[in-house]
Amino acid sequence: MRLASRTAVYDLKGLNCPLPVLKARKRLKTMRPGSRLWLETTDPLAAIDIPAFCTEAGHRLVETVVVEGGLRFLIERGG
């Protein structure tokens, strides 16, 4: 089994700022440090907001992927 297939995906498509960050924060709080979460967004401001949130909250932004209609962010929960 690939690691990516065990990584949770959180669909935040259709939500606008600040909801993707607020919902991501809430979801990450329930996860163990080191756990990874894919966020799927359609909000163009997420390209700025999600990396800033990760830096501020101590999480690691592992990967950002441009997909049709939005962005996907792979976040590793910080300690």
PDB file of N, CA and C in Angstrom:
ATOM      1  N   MET A   1       0.850  -1.184   0.000  1.00  0.00           N
ATOM      2  CA  MET A   1       0.000   0.000   0.000  1.00  0.00           C
ATOM      3  C   MET A   1       0.892   1.242   0.000  1.00  0.00           C
ATOM      4  N   ARG A   2       0.616   2.153  -0.877  1.00  0.00           N
ATOM      5  CA  ARG A   2       1.374   3.410  -0.940  1.00  0.00           C
ATOM      6  C   ARG A   2       0.965   4.332   0.200  1.00  0.00           C
ATOM      7  N   LEU A   3       1.925   5.168   0.641  1.00  0.00           N
ATOM      8  CA  LEU A   3       1.639   6.122   1.707  1.00  0.00           C
ATOM      9  C   LEU A   3       0.504   7.057   1.310  1.00  0.00           C
ATOM     10  N   ALA A   4       0.493   7.500   0.060  1.00  0.00           N
ATOM     11  CA  ALA A   4      -0.529   8.442  -0.392  1.00  0.00           C
ATOM     12  C   ALA A   4      -1.936   7.876  -0.218  1.00  0.00           C
ATOM     13  N   SER A   5      -2.078   6.566  -0.355  1.00  0.00           N
ATOM     14  CA  SER A   5      -3.408   5.984  -0.233  1.00  0.00           C
ATOM     15  C   SER A   5      -3.886   5.960   1.221  1.00  0.00           C
ATOM     16  N   ARG A   6      -2.961   6.126   2.179  1.00  0.00           N
ATOM     17  CA  ARG A   6      -3.343   6.149   3.590  1.00  0.00           C
ATOM     18  C   ARG A   6      -3.479   7.570   4.121  1.00  0.00           C
ATOM     19  N   THR A   7      -3.185   8.543   3.283  1.00  0.00           N
ATOM     20  CA  THR A   7      -3.263   9.932   3.703  1.00  0.00           C
ATOM     21  C   THR A   7      -4.694  10.429   3.547  1.00  0.00           C
ATOM     22  N   ALA A   8      -5.221  11.014   4.615  1.00  0.00           N
ATOM     23  CA  ALA A   8      -6.592  11.524   4.592  1.00  0.00           C
ATOM     24  C   ALA A   8      -6.714  12.677   3.603  1.00  0.00           C
ATOM     25  N   VAL A   9      -7.891  12.790   2.998  1.00  0.00           N
ATOM     26  CA  VAL A   9      -8.189  13.887   2.078  1.00  0.00           C
ATOM     27  C   VAL A   9      -9.365  14.661   2.656  1.00  0.00           C
ATOM     28  N   TYR A  10      -9.206  15.980   2.740  1.00  0.00           N
ATOM     29  CA  TYR A  10     -10.247  16.846   3.282  1.00  0.00           C
ATOM     30  C   TYR A  10     -10.717  17.760   2.161  1.00  0.00           C
ATOM     31  N   ASP A  11     -11.946  17.563   1.732  1.00  0.00           N
ATOM     32  CA  ASP A  11     -12.524  18.312   0.610  1.00  0.00           C
ATOM     33  C   ASP A  11     -13.069  19.649   1.109  1.00  0.00           C
ATOM     34  N   LEU A  12     -12.388  20.722   0.736  1.00  0.00           N
ATOM     35  CA  LEU A  12     -12.802  22.074   1.110  1.00  0.00           C
ATOM     36  C   LEU A  12     -13.208  22.881  -0.123  1.00  0.00           C
ATOM     37  N   LYS A  13     -13.506  22.161  -1.193  1.00  0.00           N
ATOM     38  CA  LYS A  13     -13.883  22.832  -2.441  1.00  0.00           C
ATOM     39  C   LYS A  13     -15.201  23.594  -2.256  1.00  0.00           C
ATOM     40  N   GLY A  14     -15.244  24.789  -2.851  1.00  0.00           N
ATOM     41  CA  GLY A  14     -16.438  25.613  -2.778  1.00  0.00           C
ATOM     42  C   GLY A  14     -16.452  26.562  -1.588  1.00  0.00           C
ATOM     43  N   LEU A  15     -15.513  26.393  -0.675  1.00  0.00           N
ATOM     44  CA  LEU A  15     -15.447  27.273   0.496  1.00  0.00           C
ATOM     45  C   LEU A  15     -14.481  28.422   0.220  1.00  0.00           C
ATOM     46  N   ASN A  16     -14.841  29.610   0.671  1.00  0.00           N
ATOM     47  CA  ASN A  16     -13.989  30.779   0.475  1.00  0.00           C
ATOM     48  C   ASN A  16     -13.366  31.212   1.797  1.00  0.00           C
ATOM     49  N   CYS A  17     -12.302  31.978   1.669  1.00  0.00           N
ATOM     50  CA  CYS A  17     -11.550  32.517   2.792  1.00  0.00           C
ATOM     51  C   CYS A  17     -12.507  33.154   3.806  1.00  0.00           C
ATOM     52  N   PRO A  18     -12.351  32.861   5.060  1.00  0.00           N
ATOM     53  CA  PRO A  18     -11.280  32.124   5.745  1.00  0.00           C
ATOM     54  C   PRO A  18     -11.631  30.671   6.053  1.00  0.00           C
ATOM     55  N   LEU A  19     -12.733  30.154   5.521  1.00  0.00           N
ATOM     56  CA  LEU A  19     -13.204  28.818   5.897  1.00  0.00           C
ATOM     57  C   LEU A  19     -12.205  27.687   5.643  1.00  0.00           C
ATOM     58  N   PRO A  20     -11.482  27.650   4.511  1.00  0.00           N
ATOM     59  CA  PRO A  20     -10.535  26.543   4.351  1.00  0.00           C
ATOM     60  C   PRO A  20      -9.497  26.469   5.474  1.00  0.00           C
ATOM     61  N   VAL A  21      -8.966  27.603   5.888  1.00  0.00           N
ATOM     62  CA  VAL A  21      -7.972  27.607   6.966  1.00  0.00           C
ATOM     63  C   VAL A  21      -8.623  27.226   8.297  1.00  0.00           C
ATOM     64  N   LEU A  22      -9.780  27.772   8.589  1.00  0.00           N
ATOM     65  CA  LEU A  22     -10.447  27.466   9.857  1.00  0.00           C
ATOM     66  C   LEU A  22     -10.783  25.980   9.967  1.00  0.00           C
ATOM     67  N   LYS A  23     -11.299  25.407   8.887  1.00  0.00           N
ATOM     68  CA  LYS A  23     -11.649  23.989   8.902  1.00  0.00           C
ATOM     69  C   LYS A  23     -10.404  23.106   8.942  1.00  0.00           C
ATOM     70  N   ALA A  24      -9.350  23.509   8.231  1.00  0.00           N
ATOM     71  CA  ALA A  24      -8.094  22.752   8.258  1.00  0.00           C
ATOM     72  C   ALA A  24      -7.512  22.750   9.669  1.00  0.00           C
ATOM     73  N   ARG A  25      -7.532  23.902  10.325  1.00  0.00           N
ATOM     74  CA  ARG A  25      -7.012  24.000  11.698  1.00  0.00           C
ATOM     75  C   ARG A  25      -7.760  23.046  12.619  1.00  0.00           C
ATOM     76  N   LYS A  26      -9.071  23.047  12.521  1.00  0.00           N
ATOM     77  CA  LYS A  26      -9.893  22.187  13.372  1.00  0.00           C
ATOM     78  C   LYS A  26      -9.596  20.710  13.111  1.00  0.00           C
ATOM     79  N   ARG A  27      -9.494  20.350  11.842  1.00  0.00           N
ATOM     80  CA  ARG A  27      -9.239  18.940  11.479  1.00  0.00           C
ATOM     81  C   ARG A  27      -7.854  18.501  11.930  1.00  0.00           C
ATOM     82  N   LEU A  28      -6.839  19.351  11.720  1.00  0.00           N
ATOM     83  CA  LEU A  28      -5.474  18.991  12.097  1.00  0.00           C
ATOM     84  C   LEU A  28      -5.325  18.822  13.606  1.00  0.00           C
ATOM     85  N   LYS A  29      -6.095  19.557  14.386  1.00  0.00           N
ATOM     86  CA  LYS A  29      -6.033  19.428  15.850  1.00  0.00           C
ATOM     87  C   LYS A  29      -6.408  18.024  16.309  1.00  0.00           C
ATOM     88  N   THR A  30      -7.225  17.318  15.529  1.00  0.00           N
ATOM     89  CA  THR A  30      -7.674  15.976  15.902  1.00  0.00           C
ATOM     90  C   THR A  30      -6.680  14.894  15.483  1.00  0.00           C
ATOM     91  N   MET A  31      -5.635  15.288  14.753  1.00  0.00           N
ATOM     92  CA  MET A  31      -4.686  14.323  14.203  1.00  0.00           C
ATOM     93  C   MET A  31      -3.406  14.279  15.047  1.00  0.00           C
ATOM     94  N   ARG A  32      -2.680  13.176  14.937  1.00  0.00           N
ATOM     95  CA  ARG A  32      -1.422  13.022  15.660  1.00  0.00           C
ATOM     96  C   ARG A  32      -0.307  13.792  14.961  1.00  0.00           C
ATOM     97  N   PRO A  33       0.665  14.308  15.718  1.00  0.00           N
ATOM     98  CA  PRO A  33       1.825  14.938  15.091  1.00  0.00           C
ATOM     99  C   PRO A  33       2.490  13.971  14.107  1.00  0.00           C
ATOM    100  N   GLY A  34       2.873  14.506  12.965  1.00  0.00           N
ATOM    101  CA  GLY A  34       3.479  13.688  11.917  1.00  0.00           C
ATOM    102  C   GLY A  34       2.480  13.135  10.915  1.00  0.00           C
ATOM    103  N   SER A  35       1.188  13.172  11.263  1.00  0.00           N
ATOM    104  CA  SER A  35       0.152  12.721  10.336  1.00  0.00           C
ATOM    105  C   SER A  35       0.062  13.691   9.168  1.00  0.00           C
ATOM    106  N   ARG A  36      -0.357  13.174   8.031  1.00  0.00           N
ATOM    107  CA  ARG A  36      -0.481  14.006   6.838  1.00  0.00           C
ATOM    108  C   ARG A  36      -1.924  14.105   6.388  1.00  0.00           C
ATOM    109  N   LEU A  37      -2.240  15.263   5.805  1.00  0.00           N
ATOM    110  CA  LEU A  37      -3.594  15.538   5.349  1.00  0.00           C
ATOM    111  C   LEU A  37      -3.533  16.284   4.018  1.00  0.00           C
ATOM    112  N   TRP A  38      -4.270  15.797   3.031  1.00  0.00           N
ATOM    113  CA  TRP A  38      -4.438  16.521   1.770  1.00  0.00           C
ATOM    114  C   TRP A  38      -5.630  17.451   1.924  1.00  0.00           C
ATOM    115  N   LEU A  39      -5.451  18.712   1.588  1.00  0.00           N
ATOM    116  CA  LEU A  39      -6.558  19.661   1.526  1.00  0.00           C
ATOM    117  C   LEU A  39      -6.855  19.928   0.068  1.00  0.00           C
ATOM    118  N   GLU A  40      -8.101  19.843  -0.331  1.00  0.00           N
ATOM    119  CA  GLU A  40      -8.512  20.165  -1.698  1.00  0.00           C
ATOM    120  C   GLU A  40      -9.325  21.444  -1.652  1.00  0.00           C
ATOM    121  N   THR A  41      -8.874  22.458  -2.398  1.00  0.00           N
ATOM    122  CA  THR A  41      -9.519  23.768  -2.345  1.00  0.00           C
ATOM    123  C   THR A  41      -9.800  24.310  -3.746  1.00  0.00           C
ATOM    124  N   THR A  42     -10.761  25.212  -3.809  1.00  0.00           N
ATOM    125  CA  THR A  42     -11.037  25.949  -5.048  1.00  0.00           C
ATOM    126  C   THR A  42     -10.852  27.446  -4.846  1.00  0.00           C
ATOM    127  N   ASP A  43     -10.635  27.874  -3.618  1.00  0.00           N
ATOM    128  CA  ASP A  43     -10.455  29.293  -3.303  1.00  0.00           C
ATOM    129  C   ASP A  43      -9.065  29.741  -3.750  1.00  0.00           C
ATOM    130  N   PRO A  44      -8.971  30.708  -4.678  1.00  0.00           N
ATOM    131  CA  PRO A  44      -7.657  31.163  -5.145  1.00  0.00           C
ATOM    132  C   PRO A  44      -6.788  31.733  -4.022  1.00  0.00           C
ATOM    133  N   LEU A  45      -7.400  32.297  -2.994  1.00  0.00           N
ATOM    134  CA  LEU A  45      -6.623  32.851  -1.880  1.00  0.00           C
ATOM    135  C   LEU A  45      -5.964  31.772  -1.025  1.00  0.00           C
ATOM    136  N   ALA A  46      -6.384  30.534  -1.189  1.00  0.00           N
ATOM    137  CA  ALA A  46      -5.764  29.443  -0.437  1.00  0.00           C
ATOM    138  C   ALA A  46      -4.278  29.323  -0.761  1.00  0.00           C
ATOM    139  N   ALA A  47      -3.876  29.746  -1.960  1.00  0.00           N
ATOM    140  CA  ALA A  47      -2.459  29.696  -2.345  1.00  0.00           C
ATOM    141  C   ALA A  47      -1.604  30.549  -1.417  1.00  0.00           C
ATOM    142  N   ILE A  48      -2.199  31.555  -0.811  1.00  0.00           N
ATOM    143  CA  ILE A  48      -1.512  32.425   0.148  1.00  0.00           C
ATOM    144  C   ILE A  48      -1.831  31.989   1.573  1.00  0.00           C
ATOM    145  N   ASP A  49      -3.110  31.722   1.825  1.00  0.00           N
ATOM    146  CA  ASP A  49      -3.570  31.453   3.182  1.00  0.00           C
ATOM    147  C   ASP A  49      -3.055  30.144   3.777  1.00  0.00           C
ATOM    148  N   ILE A  50      -3.062  29.075   3.008  1.00  0.00           N
ATOM    149  CA  ILE A  50      -2.662  27.770   3.549  1.00  0.00           C
ATOM    150  C   ILE A  50      -1.176  27.749   3.906  1.00  0.00           C
ATOM    151  N   PRO A  51      -0.265  28.202   3.022  1.00  0.00           N
ATOM    152  CA  PRO A  51       1.151  28.237   3.434  1.00  0.00           C
ATOM    153  C   PRO A  51       1.394  29.128   4.659  1.00  0.00           C
ATOM    154  N   ALA A  52       0.717  30.269   4.734  1.00  0.00           N
ATOM    155  CA  ALA A  52       0.876  31.160   5.885  1.00  0.00           C
ATOM    156  C   ALA A  52       0.372  30.484   7.157  1.00  0.00           C
ATOM    157  N   PHE A  53      -0.762  29.801   7.060  1.00  0.00           N
ATOM    158  CA  PHE A  53      -1.307  29.069   8.198  1.00  0.00           C
ATOM    159  C   PHE A  53      -0.320  28.003   8.679  1.00  0.00           C
ATOM    160  N   CYS A  54       0.257  27.250   7.757  1.00  0.00           N
ATOM    161  CA  CYS A  54       1.200  26.188   8.134  1.00  0.00           C
ATOM    162  C   CYS A  54       2.402  26.769   8.882  1.00  0.00           C
ATOM    163  N   THR A  55       2.942  27.855   8.364  1.00  0.00           N
ATOM    164  CA  THR A  55       4.083  28.502   9.011  1.00  0.00           C
ATOM    165  C   THR A  55       3.711  28.981  10.410  1.00  0.00           C
ATOM    166  N   GLU A  56       2.575  29.631  10.507  1.00  0.00           N
ATOM    167  CA  GLU A  56       2.114  30.188  11.786  1.00  0.00           C
ATOM    168  C   GLU A  56       1.821  29.101  12.820  1.00  0.00           C
ATOM    169  N   ALA A  57       1.228  27.996  12.376  1.00  0.00           N
ATOM    170  CA  ALA A  57       0.784  26.946  13.298  1.00  0.00           C
ATOM    171  C   ALA A  57       1.839  25.868  13.551  1.00  0.00           C
ATOM    172  N   GLY A  58       2.966  25.926  12.834  1.00  0.00           N
ATOM    173  CA  GLY A  58       4.013  24.932  13.046  1.00  0.00           C
ATOM    174  C   GLY A  58       3.816  23.636  12.290  1.00  0.00           C
ATOM    175  N   HIS A  59       2.994  23.661  11.260  1.00  0.00           N
ATOM    176  CA  HIS A  59       2.811  22.490  10.406  1.00  0.00           C
ATOM    177  C   HIS A  59       3.751  22.612   9.216  1.00  0.00           C
ATOM    178  N   ARG A  60       3.997  21.490   8.531  1.00  0.00           N
ATOM    179  CA  ARG A  60       4.888  21.508   7.376  1.00  0.00           C
ATOM    180  C   ARG A  60       4.071  21.338   6.098  1.00  0.00           C
ATOM    181  N   LEU A  61       4.205  22.297   5.194  1.00  0.00           N
ATOM    182  CA  LEU A  61       3.580  22.176   3.877  1.00  0.00           C
ATOM    183  C   LEU A  61       4.516  21.339   3.023  1.00  0.00           C
ATOM    184  N   VAL A  62       4.109  20.109   2.762  1.00  0.00           N
ATOM    185  CA  VAL A  62       4.944  19.144   2.068  1.00  0.00           C
ATOM    186  C   VAL A  62       4.893  19.351   0.559  1.00  0.00           C
ATOM    187  N   GLU A  63       3.694  19.621   0.058  1.00  0.00           N
ATOM    188  CA  GLU A  63       3.514  19.700  -1.394  1.00  0.00           C
ATOM    189  C   GLU A  63       2.288  20.543  -1.719  1.00  0.00           C
ATOM    190  N   THR A  64       2.394  21.290  -2.806  1.00  0.00           N
ATOM    191  CA  THR A  64       1.263  22.031  -3.352  1.00  0.00           C
ATOM    192  C   THR A  64       1.110  21.597  -4.805  1.00  0.00           C
ATOM    193  N   VAL A  65      -0.097  21.202  -5.173  1.00  0.00           N
ATOM    194  CA  VAL A  65      -0.355  20.703  -6.520  1.00  0.00           C
ATOM    195  C   VAL A  65      -1.483  21.514  -7.143  1.00  0.00           C
ATOM    196  N   VAL A  66      -1.248  22.023  -8.343  1.00  0.00           N
ATOM    197  CA  VAL A  66      -2.295  22.710  -9.087  1.00  0.00           C
ATOM    198  C   VAL A  66      -3.115  21.641  -9.804  1.00  0.00           C
ATOM    199  N   VAL A  67      -4.418  21.667  -9.562  1.00  0.00           N
ATOM    200  CA  VAL A  67      -5.331  20.729 -10.221  1.00  0.00           C
ATOM    201  C   VAL A  67      -6.406  21.540 -10.926  1.00  0.00           C
ATOM    202  N   GLU A  68      -7.123  20.902 -11.817  1.00  0.00           N
ATOM    203  CA  GLU A  68      -8.185  21.606 -12.532  1.00  0.00           C
ATOM    204  C   GLU A  68      -9.196  22.170 -11.536  1.00  0.00           C
ATOM    205  N   GLY A  69      -9.369  23.465 -11.570  1.00  0.00           N
ATOM    206  CA  GLY A  69     -10.342  24.120 -10.705  1.00  0.00           C
ATOM    207  C   GLY A  69      -9.842  24.489  -9.322  1.00  0.00           C
ATOM    208  N   GLY A  70      -8.583  24.200  -9.005  1.00  0.00           N
ATOM    209  CA  GLY A  70      -8.132  24.547  -7.662  1.00  0.00           C
ATOM    210  C   GLY A  70      -6.734  24.085  -7.332  1.00  0.00           C
ATOM    211  N   LEU A  71      -6.529  23.874  -6.050  1.00  0.00           N
ATOM    212  CA  LEU A  71      -5.231  23.481  -5.525  1.00  0.00           C
ATOM    213  C   LEU A  71      -5.399  22.353  -4.519  1.00  0.00           C
ATOM    214  N   ARG A  72      -4.340  21.552  -4.392  1.00  0.00           N
ATOM    215  CA  ARG A  72      -4.262  20.524  -3.345  1.00  0.00           C
ATOM    216  C   ARG A  72      -3.004  20.794  -2.533  1.00  0.00           C
ATOM    217  N   PHE A  73      -3.136  20.703  -1.229  1.00  0.00           N
ATOM    218  CA  PHE A  73      -2.012  20.929  -0.323  1.00  0.00           C
ATOM    219  C   PHE A  73      -1.823  19.702   0.548  1.00  0.00           C
ATOM    220  N   LEU A  74      -0.588  19.216   0.620  1.00  0.00           N
ATOM    221  CA  LEU A  74      -0.278  18.111   1.518  1.00  0.00           C
ATOM    222  C   LEU A  74       0.397  18.723   2.742  1.00  0.00           C
ATOM    223  N   ILE A  75      -0.243  18.565   3.889  1.00  0.00           N
ATOM    224  CA  ILE A  75       0.231  19.146   5.139  1.00  0.00           C
ATOM    225  C   ILE A  75       0.581  18.033   6.117  1.00  0.00           C
ATOM    226  N   GLU A  76       1.730  18.199   6.757  1.00  0.00           N
ATOM    227  CA  GLU A  76       2.138  17.297   7.831  1.00  0.00           C
ATOM    228  C   GLU A  76       1.937  18.024   9.149  1.00  0.00           C
ATOM    229  N   ARG A  77       1.167  17.421  10.034  1.00  0.00           N
ATOM    230  CA  ARG A  77       0.853  18.085  11.298  1.00  0.00           C
ATOM    231  C   ARG A  77       2.107  18.222  12.143  1.00  0.00           C
ATOM    232  N   GLY A  78       2.295  19.403  12.661  1.00  0.00           N
ATOM    233  CA  GLY A  78       3.422  19.664  13.541  1.00  0.00           C
ATOM    234  C   GLY A  78       3.152  19.162  14.944  1.00  0.00           C
ATOM    235  N   GLY A  79       4.198  19.235  15.771  1.00  0.00           N
ATOM    236  CA  GLY A  79       4.097  18.753  17.152  1.00  0.00           C
ATOM    237  C   GLY A  79       3.503  19.791  18.012  1.00  0.00           C
TER     238      GLY A  79
END
